[in-house]
Amino acid sequence: DFIWDLKLPSNYKFLVHKLFDECGLSELSKKDVYARLC
């Protein structure tokens, strides 16, 4: 996770809240969140 914390945009939590059902992403790793946002 610490690798992808550096790669995700600083506002990724805002993006996740805006675009997705946060409950569905809560179990994903930061790498998977990055892949979903790409």
PDB file of all heavy atoms in Angstrom:
ATOM      1  N   ASP A   1       0.814  -1.222   0.000  1.00  0.00           N
ATOM      2  CA  ASP A   1       0.000   0.000   0.000  1.00  0.00           C
ATOM      3  C   ASP A   1       0.844   1.267   0.000  1.00  0.00           C
ATOM      4  O   ASP A   1       0.463   2.265  -0.620  1.00  0.00           O
ATOM      5  CB  ASP A   1      -0.931   0.010   1.216  1.00  0.00           C
ATOM      6  CG  ASP A   1      -2.230  -0.748   0.972  1.00  0.00           C
ATOM      7  OD1 ASP A   1      -2.469  -1.142  -0.187  1.00  0.00           O
ATOM      8  OD2 ASP A   1      -2.999  -0.927   1.920  1.00  0.00           O
ATOM      9  N   PHE A   2       1.997   1.252   0.692  1.00  0.00           N
ATOM     10  CA  PHE A   2       2.775   2.486   0.774  1.00  0.00           C
ATOM     11  C   PHE A   2       3.332   2.898  -0.584  1.00  0.00           C
ATOM     12  O   PHE A   2       3.591   4.076  -0.825  1.00  0.00           O
ATOM     13  CB  PHE A   2       3.902   2.362   1.816  1.00  0.00           C
ATOM     14  CG  PHE A   2       5.102   1.567   1.373  1.00  0.00           C
ATOM     15  CD1 PHE A   2       6.147   2.169   0.692  1.00  0.00           C
ATOM     16  CD2 PHE A   2       5.189   0.210   1.664  1.00  0.00           C
ATOM     17  CE1 PHE A   2       7.260   1.439   0.307  1.00  0.00           C
ATOM     18  CE2 PHE A   2       6.299  -0.519   1.284  1.00  0.00           C
ATOM     19  CZ  PHE A   2       7.337   0.087   0.600  1.00  0.00           C
ATOM     20  N   ILE A   3       3.502   1.918  -1.503  1.00  0.00           N
ATOM     21  CA  ILE A   3       3.932   2.254  -2.866  1.00  0.00           C
ATOM     22  C   ILE A   3       2.838   3.042  -3.577  1.00  0.00           C
ATOM     23  O   ILE A   3       3.077   4.093  -4.171  1.00  0.00           O
ATOM     24  CB  ILE A   3       4.262   0.979  -3.667  1.00  0.00           C
ATOM     25  CG1 ILE A   3       5.494   0.280  -3.103  1.00  0.00           C
ATOM     26  CG2 ILE A   3       4.470   1.320  -5.145  1.00  0.00           C
ATOM     27  CD1 ILE A   3       5.839  -1.014  -3.825  1.00  0.00           C
ATOM     28  N   TRP A   4       1.615   2.539  -3.499  1.00  0.00           N
ATOM     29  CA  TRP A   4       0.514   3.134  -4.260  1.00  0.00           C
ATOM     30  C   TRP A   4      -0.050   4.368  -3.596  1.00  0.00           C
ATOM     31  O   TRP A   4      -0.714   5.182  -4.251  1.00  0.00           O
ATOM     32  CB  TRP A   4      -0.547   2.072  -4.510  1.00  0.00           C
ATOM     33  CG  TRP A   4       0.027   0.984  -5.363  1.00  0.00           C
ATOM     34  CD1 TRP A   4       0.550  -0.198  -4.943  1.00  0.00           C
ATOM     35  CD2 TRP A   4       0.231   1.033  -6.777  1.00  0.00           C
ATOM     36  NE1 TRP A   4       1.054  -0.908  -6.008  1.00  0.00           N
ATOM     37  CE2 TRP A   4       0.873  -0.179  -7.139  1.00  0.00           C
ATOM     38  CE3 TRP A   4      -0.069   1.965  -7.767  1.00  0.00           C
ATOM     39  CZ2 TRP A   4       1.214  -0.470  -8.465  1.00  0.00           C
ATOM     40  CZ3 TRP A   4       0.270   1.677  -9.087  1.00  0.00           C
ATOM     41  CH2 TRP A   4       0.901   0.479  -9.426  1.00  0.00           C
ATOM     42  N   ASP A   5       0.233   4.559  -2.313  1.00  0.00           N
ATOM     43  CA  ASP A   5      -0.086   5.833  -1.673  1.00  0.00           C
ATOM     44  C   ASP A   5       0.646   6.981  -2.366  1.00  0.00           C
ATOM     45  O   ASP A   5       0.132   8.097  -2.465  1.00  0.00           O
ATOM     46  CB  ASP A   5       0.318   5.797  -0.192  1.00  0.00           C
ATOM     47  CG  ASP A   5      -0.832   5.389   0.706  1.00  0.00           C
ATOM     48  OD1 ASP A   5      -1.988   5.658   0.328  1.00  0.00           O
ATOM     49  OD2 ASP A   5      -0.588   4.795   1.766  1.00  0.00           O
ATOM     50  N   LEU A   6       1.856   6.689  -2.847  1.00  0.00           N
ATOM     51  CA  LEU A   6       2.651   7.704  -3.532  1.00  0.00           C
ATOM     52  C   LEU A   6       2.186   7.922  -4.969  1.00  0.00           C
ATOM     53  O   LEU A   6       2.433   8.979  -5.549  1.00  0.00           O
ATOM     54  CB  LEU A   6       4.133   7.298  -3.540  1.00  0.00           C
ATOM     55  CG  LEU A   6       4.794   7.130  -2.172  1.00  0.00           C
ATOM     56  CD1 LEU A   6       6.204   6.562  -2.334  1.00  0.00           C
ATOM     57  CD2 LEU A   6       4.843   8.463  -1.443  1.00  0.00           C
ATOM     58  N   LYS A   7       1.532   6.926  -5.558  1.00  0.00           N
ATOM     59  CA  LYS A   7       1.110   7.011  -6.956  1.00  0.00           C
ATOM     60  C   LYS A   7      -0.300   7.576  -7.099  1.00  0.00           C
ATOM     61  O   LYS A   7      -0.609   8.222  -8.110  1.00  0.00           O
ATOM     62  CB  LYS A   7       1.167   5.622  -7.615  1.00  0.00           C
ATOM     63  CG  LYS A   7       2.484   4.881  -7.423  1.00  0.00           C
ATOM     64  CD  LYS A   7       3.682   5.678  -7.892  1.00  0.00           C
ATOM     65  CE  LYS A   7       4.983   4.927  -7.599  1.00  0.00           C
ATOM     66  NZ  LYS A   7       6.173   5.733  -7.962  1.00  0.00           N
ATOM     67  N   LEU A   8      -1.154   7.330  -6.112  1.00  0.00           N
ATOM     68  CA  LEU A   8      -2.518   7.846  -6.178  1.00  0.00           C
ATOM     69  C   LEU A   8      -2.527   9.368  -6.050  1.00  0.00           C
ATOM     70  O   LEU A   8      -1.686   9.942  -5.347  1.00  0.00           O
ATOM     71  CB  LEU A   8      -3.354   7.246  -5.050  1.00  0.00           C
ATOM     72  CG  LEU A   8      -3.822   5.802  -5.232  1.00  0.00           C
ATOM     73  CD1 LEU A   8      -4.269   5.213  -3.903  1.00  0.00           C
ATOM     74  CD2 LEU A   8      -4.949   5.729  -6.259  1.00  0.00           C
ATOM     75  N   PRO A   9      -3.447  10.052  -6.741  1.00  0.00           N
ATOM     76  CA  PRO A   9      -3.548  11.512  -6.573  1.00  0.00           C
ATOM     77  C   PRO A   9      -3.924  11.855  -5.139  1.00  0.00           C
ATOM     78  O   PRO A   9      -4.558  11.064  -4.439  1.00  0.00           O
ATOM     79  CB  PRO A   9      -4.654  11.904  -7.562  1.00  0.00           C
ATOM     80  CG  PRO A   9      -5.426  10.648  -7.794  1.00  0.00           C
ATOM     81  CD  PRO A   9      -4.446   9.529  -7.680  1.00  0.00           C
ATOM     82  N   SER A  10      -3.535  13.027  -4.712  1.00  0.00           N
ATOM     83  CA  SER A  10      -3.758  13.427  -3.319  1.00  0.00           C
ATOM     84  C   SER A  10      -5.239  13.445  -2.943  1.00  0.00           C
ATOM     85  O   SER A  10      -5.586  13.308  -1.776  1.00  0.00           O
ATOM     86  CB  SER A  10      -3.134  14.809  -3.071  1.00  0.00           C
ATOM     87  OG  SER A  10      -3.744  15.792  -3.919  1.00  0.00           O
ATOM     88  N   ASN A  11      -6.103  13.618  -3.944  1.00  0.00           N
ATOM     89  CA  ASN A  11      -7.542  13.686  -3.667  1.00  0.00           C
ATOM     90  C   ASN A  11      -8.258  12.392  -4.035  1.00  0.00           C
ATOM     91  O   ASN A  11      -9.457  12.410  -4.336  1.00  0.00           O
ATOM     92  CB  ASN A  11      -8.161  14.850  -4.449  1.00  0.00           C
ATOM     93  CG  ASN A  11      -8.181  14.589  -5.950  1.00  0.00           C
ATOM     94  OD1 ASN A  11      -7.325  13.850  -6.468  1.00  0.00           O
ATOM     95  ND2 ASN A  11      -9.122  15.172  -6.659  1.00  0.00           N
ATOM     96  N   TYR A  12      -7.557  11.259  -3.990  1.00  0.00           N
ATOM     97  CA  TYR A  12      -8.177  10.026  -4.458  1.00  0.00           C
ATOM     98  C   TYR A  12      -9.416   9.642  -3.643  1.00  0.00           C
ATOM     99  O   TYR A  12     -10.356   9.042  -4.177  1.00  0.00           O
ATOM    100  CB  TYR A  12      -7.156   8.886  -4.490  1.00  0.00           C
ATOM    101  CG  TYR A  12      -6.918   8.193  -3.173  1.00  0.00           C
ATOM    102  CD1 TYR A  12      -7.669   7.071  -2.803  1.00  0.00           C
ATOM    103  CD2 TYR A  12      -5.945   8.640  -2.291  1.00  0.00           C
ATOM    104  CE1 TYR A  12      -7.457   6.438  -1.594  1.00  0.00           C
ATOM    105  CE2 TYR A  12      -5.721   8.008  -1.081  1.00  0.00           C
ATOM    106  CZ  TYR A  12      -6.478   6.905  -0.739  1.00  0.00           C
ATOM    107  OH  TYR A  12      -6.270   6.289   0.462  1.00  0.00           O
ATOM    108  N   LYS A  13      -9.443  10.014  -2.359  1.00  0.00           N
ATOM    109  CA  LYS A  13     -10.630   9.705  -1.558  1.00  0.00           C
ATOM    110  C   LYS A  13     -11.847  10.481  -2.058  1.00  0.00           C
ATOM    111  O   LYS A  13     -12.969   9.963  -2.079  1.00  0.00           O
ATOM    112  CB  LYS A  13     -10.354  10.006  -0.086  1.00  0.00           C
ATOM    113  CG  LYS A  13      -9.344   9.074   0.551  1.00  0.00           C
ATOM    114  CD  LYS A  13      -9.149   9.383   2.028  1.00  0.00           C
ATOM    115  CE  LYS A  13      -8.140   8.429   2.658  1.00  0.00           C
ATOM    116  NZ  LYS A  13      -7.915   8.734   4.095  1.00  0.00           N
ATOM    117  N   PHE A  14     -11.618  11.727  -2.470  1.00  0.00           N
ATOM    118  CA  PHE A  14     -12.704  12.518  -3.063  1.00  0.00           C
ATOM    119  C   PHE A  14     -13.182  11.857  -4.352  1.00  0.00           C
ATOM    120  O   PHE A  14     -14.393  11.779  -4.619  1.00  0.00           O
ATOM    121  CB  PHE A  14     -12.216  13.941  -3.341  1.00  0.00           C
ATOM    122  CG  PHE A  14     -13.149  14.769  -4.177  1.00  0.00           C
ATOM    123  CD1 PHE A  14     -14.218  15.452  -3.606  1.00  0.00           C
ATOM    124  CD2 PHE A  14     -12.971  14.865  -5.559  1.00  0.00           C
ATOM    125  CE1 PHE A  14     -15.081  16.210  -4.385  1.00  0.00           C
ATOM    126  CE2 PHE A  14     -13.826  15.628  -6.341  1.00  0.00           C
ATOM    127  CZ  PHE A  14     -14.888  16.303  -5.751  1.00  0.00           C
ATOM    128  N   LEU A  15     -12.244  11.375  -5.172  1.00  0.00           N
ATOM    129  CA  LEU A  15     -12.603  10.737  -6.437  1.00  0.00           C
ATOM    130  C   LEU A  15     -13.399   9.460  -6.197  1.00  0.00           C
ATOM    131  O   LEU A  15     -14.404   9.207  -6.876  1.00  0.00           O
ATOM    132  CB  LEU A  15     -11.337  10.424  -7.244  1.00  0.00           C
ATOM    133  CG  LEU A  15     -10.446  11.607  -7.620  1.00  0.00           C
ATOM    134  CD1 LEU A  15      -9.234  11.130  -8.414  1.00  0.00           C
ATOM    135  CD2 LEU A  15     -11.222  12.649  -8.412  1.00  0.00           C
ATOM    136  N   VAL A  16     -12.954   8.656  -5.242  1.00  0.00           N
ATOM    137  CA  VAL A  16     -13.664   7.414  -4.927  1.00  0.00           C
ATOM    138  C   VAL A  16     -15.080   7.719  -4.460  1.00  0.00           C
ATOM    139  O   VAL A  16     -16.051   7.064  -4.870  1.00  0.00           O
ATOM    140  CB  VAL A  16     -12.888   6.619  -3.858  1.00  0.00           C
ATOM    141  CG1 VAL A  16     -13.741   5.481  -3.307  1.00  0.00           C
ATOM    142  CG2 VAL A  16     -11.592   6.062  -4.447  1.00  0.00           C
ATOM    143  N   HIS A  17     -15.215   8.735  -3.602  1.00  0.00           N
ATOM    144  CA  HIS A  17     -16.541   9.121  -3.114  1.00  0.00           C
ATOM    145  C   HIS A  17     -17.422   9.627  -4.254  1.00  0.00           C
ATOM    146  O   HIS A  17     -18.630   9.366  -4.287  1.00  0.00           O
ATOM    147  CB  HIS A  17     -16.395  10.200  -2.039  1.00  0.00           C
ATOM    148  CG  HIS A  17     -17.710  10.723  -1.522  1.00  0.00           C
ATOM    149  ND1 HIS A  17     -18.519  10.005  -0.665  1.00  0.00           N
ATOM    150  CD2 HIS A  17     -18.360  11.900  -1.762  1.00  0.00           C
ATOM    151  CE1 HIS A  17     -19.606  10.700  -0.408  1.00  0.00           C
ATOM    152  NE2 HIS A  17     -19.539  11.843  -1.045  1.00  0.00           N
ATOM    153  N   LYS A  18     -16.827  10.317  -5.202  1.00  0.00           N
ATOM    154  CA  LYS A  18     -17.579  10.902  -6.311  1.00  0.00           C
ATOM    155  C   LYS A  18     -18.002   9.842  -7.333  1.00  0.00           C
ATOM    156  O   LYS A  18     -19.098   9.930  -7.904  1.00  0.00           O
ATOM    157  CB  LYS A  18     -16.711  11.959  -7.004  1.00  0.00           C
ATOM    158  CG  LYS A  18     -17.346  12.659  -8.201  1.00  0.00           C
ATOM    159  CD  LYS A  18     -18.366  13.680  -7.771  1.00  0.00           C
ATOM    160  CE  LYS A  18     -18.902  14.463  -8.961  1.00  0.00           C
ATOM    161  NZ  LYS A  18     -19.958  15.418  -8.565  1.00  0.00           N
ATOM    162  N   LEU A  19     -17.150   8.849  -7.553  1.00  0.00           N
ATOM    163  CA  LEU A  19     -17.347   7.945  -8.686  1.00  0.00           C
ATOM    164  C   LEU A  19     -17.874   6.564  -8.328  1.00  0.00           C
ATOM    165  O   LEU A  19     -18.492   5.906  -9.160  1.00  0.00           O
ATOM    166  CB  LEU A  19     -16.021   7.771  -9.449  1.00  0.00           C
ATOM    167  CG  LEU A  19     -15.353   9.046  -9.968  1.00  0.00           C
ATOM    168  CD1 LEU A  19     -14.003   8.712 -10.581  1.00  0.00           C
ATOM    169  CD2 LEU A  19     -16.231   9.748 -10.990  1.00  0.00           C
ATOM    170  N   PHE A  20     -17.611   6.118  -7.094  1.00  0.00           N
ATOM    171  CA  PHE A  20     -17.914   4.723  -6.768  1.00  0.00           C
ATOM    172  C   PHE A  20     -18.733   4.597  -5.486  1.00  0.00           C
ATOM    173  O   PHE A  20     -18.838   5.534  -4.701  1.00  0.00           O
ATOM    174  CB  PHE A  20     -16.612   3.917  -6.586  1.00  0.00           C
ATOM    175  CG  PHE A  20     -15.695   3.953  -7.768  1.00  0.00           C
ATOM    176  CD1 PHE A  20     -14.465   4.610  -7.690  1.00  0.00           C
ATOM    177  CD2 PHE A  20     -16.018   3.337  -8.963  1.00  0.00           C
ATOM    178  CE1 PHE A  20     -13.604   4.652  -8.762  1.00  0.00           C
ATOM    179  CE2 PHE A  20     -15.165   3.365 -10.041  1.00  0.00           C
ATOM    180  CZ  PHE A  20     -13.957   4.031  -9.947  1.00  0.00           C
ATOM    181  N   ASP A  21     -19.215   3.391  -5.304  1.00  0.00           N
ATOM    182  CA  ASP A  21     -19.797   2.996  -4.025  1.00  0.00           C
ATOM    183  C   ASP A  21     -18.633   2.649  -3.098  1.00  0.00           C
ATOM    184  O   ASP A  21     -17.960   1.638  -3.283  1.00  0.00           O
ATOM    185  CB  ASP A  21     -20.706   1.786  -4.219  1.00  0.00           C
ATOM    186  CG  ASP A  21     -21.258   1.266  -2.902  1.00  0.00           C
ATOM    187  OD1 ASP A  21     -21.037   1.917  -1.863  1.00  0.00           O
ATOM    188  OD2 ASP A  21     -21.896   0.202  -2.919  1.00  0.00           O
ATOM    189  N   GLU A  22     -18.367   3.501  -2.119  1.00  0.00           N
ATOM    190  CA  GLU A  22     -17.196   3.317  -1.264  1.00  0.00           C
ATOM    191  C   GLU A  22     -17.217   1.973  -0.533  1.00  0.00           C
ATOM    192  O   GLU A  22     -16.163   1.402  -0.261  1.00  0.00           O
ATOM    193  CB  GLU A  22     -17.099   4.460  -0.252  1.00  0.00           C
ATOM    194  CG  GLU A  22     -16.748   5.794  -0.882  1.00  0.00           C
ATOM    195  CD  GLU A  22     -16.578   6.893   0.149  1.00  0.00           C
ATOM    196  OE1 GLU A  22     -15.486   6.996   0.725  1.00  0.00           O
ATOM    197  OE2 GLU A  22     -17.552   7.631   0.369  1.00  0.00           O
ATOM    198  N   CYS A  23     -18.389   1.470  -0.241  1.00  0.00           N
ATOM    199  CA  CYS A  23     -18.466   0.186   0.456  1.00  0.00           C
ATOM    200  C   CYS A  23     -17.866  -0.921  -0.408  1.00  0.00           C
ATOM    201  O   CYS A  23     -17.224  -1.841   0.092  1.00  0.00           O
ATOM    202  CB  CYS A  23     -19.916  -0.153   0.799  1.00  0.00           C
ATOM    203  SG  CYS A  23     -20.668   0.998   1.987  1.00  0.00           S
ATOM    204  N   GLY A  24     -18.064  -0.805  -1.711  1.00  0.00           N
ATOM    205  CA  GLY A  24     -17.533  -1.826  -2.607  1.00  0.00           C
ATOM    206  C   GLY A  24     -16.032  -1.768  -2.762  1.00  0.00           C
ATOM    207  O   GLY A  24     -15.404  -2.737  -3.197  1.00  0.00           O
ATOM    208  N   LEU A  25     -15.419  -0.632  -2.432  1.00  0.00           N
ATOM    209  CA  LEU A  25     -13.980  -0.475  -2.587  1.00  0.00           C
ATOM    210  C   LEU A  25     -13.216  -0.584  -1.272  1.00  0.00           C
ATOM    211  O   LEU A  25     -11.995  -0.568  -1.269  1.00  0.00           O
ATOM    212  CB  LEU A  25     -13.676   0.890  -3.221  1.00  0.00           C
ATOM    213  CG  LEU A  25     -14.140   1.105  -4.662  1.00  0.00           C
ATOM    214  CD1 LEU A  25     -13.732   2.479  -5.142  1.00  0.00           C
ATOM    215  CD2 LEU A  25     -13.558   0.049  -5.588  1.00  0.00           C
ATOM    216  N   SER A  26     -13.945  -0.698  -0.169  1.00  0.00           N
ATOM    217  CA  SER A  26     -13.286  -0.657   1.136  1.00  0.00           C
ATOM    218  C   SER A  26     -12.319  -1.816   1.336  1.00  0.00           C
ATOM    219  O   SER A  26     -11.364  -1.707   2.112  1.00  0.00           O
ATOM    220  CB  SER A  26     -14.331  -0.648   2.255  1.00  0.00           C
ATOM    221  OG  SER A  26     -15.153  -1.812   2.172  1.00  0.00           O
ATOM    222  N   GLU A  27     -12.563  -2.933   0.663  1.00  0.00           N
ATOM    223  CA  GLU A  27     -11.711  -4.103   0.841  1.00  0.00           C
ATOM    224  C   GLU A  27     -10.571  -4.156  -0.164  1.00  0.00           C
ATOM    225  O   GLU A  27      -9.729  -5.047  -0.106  1.00  0.00           O
ATOM    226  CB  GLU A  27     -12.552  -5.381   0.713  1.00  0.00           C
ATOM    227  CG  GLU A  27     -13.717  -5.472   1.699  1.00  0.00           C
ATOM    228  CD  GLU A  27     -13.236  -5.431   3.138  1.00  0.00           C
ATOM    229  OE1 GLU A  27     -12.191  -6.034   3.433  1.00  0.00           O
ATOM    230  OE2 GLU A  27     -13.916  -4.786   3.964  1.00  0.00           O
ATOM    231  N   LEU A  28     -10.518  -3.222  -1.093  1.00  0.00           N
ATOM    232  CA  LEU A  28      -9.489  -3.251  -2.129  1.00  0.00           C
ATOM    233  C   LEU A  28      -8.176  -2.674  -1.619  1.00  0.00           C
ATOM    234  O   LEU A  28      -8.149  -1.778  -0.781  1.00  0.00           O
ATOM    235  CB  LEU A  28      -9.946  -2.465  -3.355  1.00  0.00           C
ATOM    236  CG  LEU A  28     -11.153  -2.999  -4.127  1.00  0.00           C
ATOM    237  CD1 LEU A  28     -11.434  -2.113  -5.326  1.00  0.00           C
ATOM    238  CD2 LEU A  28     -10.923  -4.429  -4.583  1.00  0.00           C
ATOM    239  N   SER A  29      -7.072  -3.169  -2.168  1.00  0.00           N
ATOM    240  CA  SER A  29      -5.762  -2.598  -1.874  1.00  0.00           C
ATOM    241  C   SER A  29      -5.622  -1.271  -2.614  1.00  0.00           C
ATOM    242  O   SER A  29      -6.386  -0.965  -3.541  1.00  0.00           O
ATOM    243  CB  SER A  29      -4.661  -3.557  -2.317  1.00  0.00           C
ATOM    244  OG  SER A  29      -4.642  -3.665  -3.739  1.00  0.00           O
ATOM    245  N   LYS A  30      -4.632  -0.476  -2.227  1.00  0.00           N
ATOM    246  CA  LYS A  30      -4.390   0.802  -2.911  1.00  0.00           C
ATOM    247  C   LYS A  30      -4.039   0.569  -4.386  1.00  0.00           C
ATOM    248  O   LYS A  30      -4.375   1.375  -5.249  1.00  0.00           O
ATOM    249  CB  LYS A  30      -3.268   1.559  -2.211  1.00  0.00           C
ATOM    250  CG  LYS A  30      -3.582   1.956  -0.767  1.00  0.00           C
ATOM    251  CD  LYS A  30      -4.665   2.998  -0.704  1.00  0.00           C
ATOM    252  CE  LYS A  30      -4.991   3.379   0.751  1.00  0.00           C
ATOM    253  NZ  LYS A  30      -3.851   3.982   1.445  1.00  0.00           N
ATOM    254  N   LYS A  31      -3.360  -0.531  -4.659  1.00  0.00           N
ATOM    255  CA  LYS A  31      -3.031  -0.857  -6.055  1.00  0.00           C
ATOM    256  C   LYS A  31      -4.299  -1.083  -6.874  1.00  0.00           C
ATOM    257  O   LYS A  31      -4.413  -0.610  -8.013  1.00  0.00           O
ATOM    258  CB  LYS A  31      -2.155  -2.103  -6.101  1.00  0.00           C
ATOM    259  CG  LYS A  31      -1.767  -2.550  -7.506  1.00  0.00           C
ATOM    260  CD  LYS A  31      -0.931  -3.817  -7.481  1.00  0.00           C
ATOM    261  CE  LYS A  31      -0.577  -4.275  -8.891  1.00  0.00           C
ATOM    262  NZ  LYS A  31       0.236  -5.523  -8.877  1.00  0.00           N
ATOM    263  N   ASP A  32      -5.260  -1.793  -6.290  1.00  0.00           N
ATOM    264  CA  ASP A  32      -6.517  -2.051  -6.996  1.00  0.00           C
ATOM    265  C   ASP A  32      -7.337  -0.771  -7.165  1.00  0.00           C
ATOM    266  O   ASP A  32      -8.016  -0.594  -8.188  1.00  0.00           O
ATOM    267  CB  ASP A  32      -7.333  -3.101  -6.247  1.00  0.00           C
ATOM    268  CG  ASP A  32      -6.695  -4.485  -6.317  1.00  0.00           C
ATOM    269  OD1 ASP A  32      -5.983  -4.746  -7.301  1.00  0.00           O
ATOM    270  OD2 ASP A  32      -6.901  -5.284  -5.380  1.00  0.00           O
ATOM    271  N   VAL A  33      -7.284   0.117  -6.168  1.00  0.00           N
ATOM    272  CA  VAL A  33      -7.976   1.401  -6.298  1.00  0.00           C
ATOM    273  C   VAL A  33      -7.362   2.196  -7.454  1.00  0.00           C
ATOM    274  O   VAL A  33      -8.084   2.795  -8.263  1.00  0.00           O
ATOM    275  CB  VAL A  33      -7.882   2.205  -4.987  1.00  0.00           C
ATOM    276  CG1 VAL A  33      -8.425   3.617  -5.184  1.00  0.00           C
ATOM    277  CG2 VAL A  33      -8.647   1.501  -3.879  1.00  0.00           C
ATOM    278  N   TYR A  34      -6.032   2.184  -7.544  1.00  0.00           N
ATOM    279  CA  TYR A  34      -5.348   2.872  -8.648  1.00  0.00           C
ATOM    280  C   TYR A  34      -5.810   2.299  -9.997  1.00  0.00           C
ATOM    281  O   TYR A  34      -6.119   3.049 -10.937  1.00  0.00           O
ATOM    282  CB  TYR A  34      -3.841   2.720  -8.496  1.00  0.00           C
ATOM    283  CG  TYR A  34      -3.027   3.548  -9.464  1.00  0.00           C
ATOM    284  CD1 TYR A  34      -2.559   4.809  -9.106  1.00  0.00           C
ATOM    285  CD2 TYR A  34      -2.720   3.073 -10.736  1.00  0.00           C
ATOM    286  CE1 TYR A  34      -1.812   5.575  -9.986  1.00  0.00           C
ATOM    287  CE2 TYR A  34      -1.985   3.835 -11.624  1.00  0.00           C
ATOM    288  CZ  TYR A  34      -1.527   5.083 -11.248  1.00  0.00           C
ATOM    289  OH  TYR A  34      -0.786   5.842 -12.144  1.00  0.00           O
ATOM    290  N   ALA A  35      -5.857   0.980 -10.078  1.00  0.00           N
ATOM    291  CA  ALA A  35      -6.270   0.335 -11.326  1.00  0.00           C
ATOM    292  C   ALA A  35      -7.701   0.705 -11.690  1.00  0.00           C
ATOM    293  O   ALA A  35      -8.009   0.962 -12.869  1.00  0.00           O
ATOM    294  CB  ALA A  35      -6.130  -1.180 -11.197  1.00  0.00           C
ATOM    295  N   ARG A  36      -8.590   0.754 -10.695  1.00  0.00           N
ATOM    296  CA  ARG A  36      -9.983   1.116 -10.966  1.00  0.00           C
ATOM    297  C   ARG A  36     -10.086   2.556 -11.481  1.00  0.00           C
ATOM    298  O   ARG A  36     -10.858   2.846 -12.393  1.00  0.00           O
ATOM    299  CB  ARG A  36     -10.821   0.964  -9.693  1.00  0.00           C
ATOM    300  CG  ARG A  36     -11.118  -0.470  -9.300  1.00  0.00           C
ATOM    301  CD  ARG A  36     -12.161  -1.112 -10.198  1.00  0.00           C
ATOM    302  NE  ARG A  36     -13.440  -0.430 -10.163  1.00  0.00           N
ATOM    303  CZ  ARG A  36     -14.412  -0.700  -9.295  1.00  0.00           C
ATOM    304  NH1 ARG A  36     -14.228  -1.642  -8.381  1.00  0.00           N
ATOM    305  NH2 ARG A  36     -15.547  -0.045  -9.342  1.00  0.00           N
ATOM    306  N   LEU A  37      -9.298   3.458 -10.897  1.00  0.00           N
ATOM    307  CA  LEU A  37      -9.360   4.861 -11.315  1.00  0.00           C
ATOM    308  C   LEU A  37      -8.726   5.084 -12.683  1.00  0.00           C
ATOM    309  O   LEU A  37      -9.025   6.081 -13.343  1.00  0.00           O
ATOM    310  CB  LEU A  37      -8.661   5.741 -10.273  1.00  0.00           C
ATOM    311  CG  LEU A  37      -9.412   5.922  -8.947  1.00  0.00           C
ATOM    312  CD1 LEU A  37      -8.539   6.652  -7.933  1.00  0.00           C
ATOM    313  CD2 LEU A  37     -10.723   6.684  -9.160  1.00  0.00           C
ATOM    314  N   CYS A  38      -7.861   4.179 -13.111  1.00  0.00           N
ATOM    315  CA  CYS A  38      -7.257   4.313 -14.440  1.00  0.00           C
ATOM    316  C   CYS A  38      -8.248   3.962 -15.553  1.00  0.00           C
ATOM    317  O   CYS A  38      -8.040   4.345 -16.708  1.00  0.00           O
ATOM    318  CB  CYS A  38      -6.013   3.436 -14.557  1.00  0.00           C
ATOM    319  SG  CYS A  38      -4.561   4.103 -13.715  1.00  0.00           S
TER     320      CYS A  38
END
